[in-house]
Amino acid sequence: MATLFTRIIQGELPGHFIYRDDRCVDFLSIHPLQPGHTLVVPVQEVDHWLDLEPALMHHLTDVARTIGRPQQRLFQPEKIGLMLAGLEVPHVHLHVVPINGAHDLDFSRQDLAATSQQLAEVARLLQQALDEV
């Protein structure tokens, strides 16, 4: 059975995409820890990051860095956090999050009320900033 992320990647479920290539995608979290919180997800379904091919892991972190640069410009946080937890969905994903402190990576602080319109606007801004890189 396809994971939630595979269903988003394949267009069966909606997603606010920032980046896509033949190996991975980047889209906004629907429950962001901070505005601009994205997920870098391999197209290939792999449950645990330890099972990723090294070249794919390198590609995912490279894409995360590519996404982090416009996040830094747009949101001007102290840092761009990169977290690989993998407990929520059995499909590897890197969280790329504008942060001002460790508390900004606390999943108990997710924005469960983010609207599709708010996410669409953040996606538009990130896509525009990414195009300017």
Protein backbone atom coordinates (compact mmCIF):
# COMPACT_ATOMS: atom_id res chain seq x y z
CA MET A 1 0.00 0.00 0.00
CA ALA A 2 1.32 3.43 -0.93
CA THR A 3 2.39 5.74 1.89
CA LEU A 4 0.72 9.07 2.53
CA PHE A 5 3.73 10.80 0.97
CA THR A 6 3.62 8.61 -2.15
CA ARG A 7 -0.03 9.52 -2.55
CA ILE A 8 0.89 13.23 -2.32
CA ILE A 9 3.79 12.79 -4.77
CA GLN A 10 1.50 11.01 -7.24
CA GLY A 11 -1.16 13.73 -6.97
CA GLU A 12 -3.78 11.55 -5.26
CA LEU A 13 -3.72 13.91 -2.26
CA PRO A 14 -3.07 17.66 -2.35
CA GLY A 15 0.32 19.10 -1.58
CA HIS A 16 1.98 22.50 -1.77
CA PHE A 17 5.13 21.64 -3.72
CA ILE A 18 8.24 23.79 -3.69
CA TYR A 19 10.63 21.52 -5.59
CA ARG A 20 10.51 18.33 -7.66
CA ASP A 21 12.99 16.21 -9.57
CA ASP A 22 13.12 12.55 -10.58
CA ARG A 23 14.48 11.45 -7.18
CA CYS A 24 12.70 13.62 -4.61
CA VAL A 25 10.18 16.31 -3.90
CA ASP A 26 9.86 19.10 -1.37
CA PHE A 27 6.47 20.24 -0.13
CA LEU A 28 5.08 22.18 2.80
CA SER A 29 4.10 20.39 5.97
CA ILE A 30 0.34 20.67 6.49
CA HIS A 31 1.04 21.06 10.23
CA PRO A 32 4.05 23.36 10.19
CA LEU A 33 6.30 23.79 13.19
CA GLN A 34 7.07 27.27 11.84
CA PRO A 35 5.96 29.10 8.69
CA GLY A 36 7.91 27.71 5.74
CA HIS A 37 8.39 24.22 7.25
CA THR A 38 8.92 21.83 4.34
CA LEU A 39 9.55 18.12 3.89
CA VAL A 40 12.14 16.71 1.50
CA VAL A 41 10.86 13.25 0.52
CA PRO A 42 12.40 10.68 -1.82
CA VAL A 43 10.10 9.43 -4.56
CA GLN A 44 11.22 5.91 -3.70
CA GLU A 45 9.41 4.55 -0.64
CA VAL A 46 12.05 3.82 1.98
CA ASP A 47 10.95 3.55 5.61
CA HIS A 48 14.25 4.11 7.44
CA TRP A 49 16.99 6.56 6.43
CA LEU A 50 19.62 3.92 7.24
CA ASP A 51 18.31 1.98 4.24
CA LEU A 52 18.78 4.85 1.76
CA GLU A 53 21.44 4.53 -0.89
CA PRO A 54 24.24 6.97 0.05
CA ALA A 55 23.84 8.91 -3.20
CA LEU A 56 20.13 9.43 -2.52
CA MET A 57 20.79 10.54 1.05
CA HIS A 58 23.33 13.03 -0.27
CA HIS A 59 20.81 14.28 -2.83
CA LEU A 60 18.12 14.75 -0.17
CA THR A 61 20.43 16.83 2.03
CA ASP A 62 21.55 18.84 -0.99
CA VAL A 63 17.92 19.62 -1.85
CA ALA A 64 17.29 20.52 1.81
CA ARG A 65 20.16 23.02 1.61
CA THR A 66 18.73 24.41 -1.64
CA ILE A 67 15.35 24.92 0.07
CA GLY A 68 16.93 26.31 3.24
CA ARG A 69 18.53 29.25 1.48
CA PRO A 70 15.26 30.88 0.37
CA GLN A 71 13.72 30.02 3.75
CA GLN A 72 16.55 31.94 5.41
CA ARG A 73 16.00 34.98 3.16
CA LEU A 74 12.21 34.99 3.49
CA PHE A 75 11.71 34.25 7.17
CA GLN A 76 15.05 35.51 8.57
CA PRO A 77 15.25 32.97 11.40
CA GLU A 78 18.35 32.45 13.49
CA LYS A 79 18.95 29.11 11.73
CA ILE A 80 17.38 26.64 9.34
CA GLY A 81 16.83 23.42 11.25
CA LEU A 82 17.17 20.04 9.57
CA MET A 83 15.57 17.10 11.31
CA LEU A 84 15.18 13.49 10.34
CA ALA A 85 12.80 11.75 12.75
CA GLY A 86 10.71 9.37 10.68
CA LEU A 87 8.10 8.37 13.22
CA GLU A 88 5.03 10.01 11.72
CA VAL A 89 4.97 8.41 8.25
CA PRO A 90 6.87 5.23 7.23
CA HIS A 91 8.58 7.05 4.36
CA VAL A 92 11.89 8.88 4.83
CA HIS A 93 11.50 12.65 5.03
CA LEU A 94 13.71 15.51 6.09
CA HIS A 95 12.10 18.41 7.93
CA VAL A 96 13.55 21.75 6.82
CA VAL A 97 12.37 24.34 9.33
CA PRO A 98 13.14 28.03 9.95
CA ILE A 99 14.00 28.14 13.68
CA ASN A 100 14.95 30.61 16.38
CA GLY A 101 15.49 28.01 19.08
CA ALA A 102 15.22 24.28 19.83
CA HIS A 103 11.60 24.80 20.91
CA ASP A 104 10.76 25.46 17.23
CA LEU A 105 11.42 21.76 16.54
CA ASP A 106 8.92 20.55 19.16
CA PHE A 107 6.12 18.63 17.45
CA SER A 108 3.72 19.49 20.27
CA ARG A 109 3.86 23.06 18.90
CA GLN A 110 2.67 22.22 15.36
CA ASP A 111 0.18 24.61 13.77
CA LEU A 112 -2.80 22.28 13.40
CA ALA A 113 -4.95 25.13 12.08
CA ALA A 114 -2.86 26.17 9.06
CA THR A 115 -5.21 26.69 6.14
CA SER A 116 -4.69 25.68 2.55
CA GLN A 117 -4.75 29.37 1.60
CA GLN A 118 -1.98 30.19 4.10
CA LEU A 119 0.11 27.27 2.87
CA ALA A 120 -0.47 28.25 -0.76
CA GLU A 121 0.84 31.76 -0.06
CA VAL A 122 3.94 30.45 1.72
CA ALA A 123 4.50 28.01 -1.17
CA ARG A 124 4.22 30.85 -3.68
CA LEU A 125 6.76 32.94 -1.78
CA LEU A 126 9.19 30.03 -1.42
CA GLN A 127 8.87 29.07 -5.10
CA GLN A 128 9.51 32.66 -6.11
CA ALA A 129 12.53 32.91 -3.81
CA LEU A 130 13.84 29.57 -5.07
CA ASP A 131 13.57 30.82 -8.67
CA GLU A 132 15.75 33.80 -7.68
CA VAL A 133 18.59 31.58 -6.43
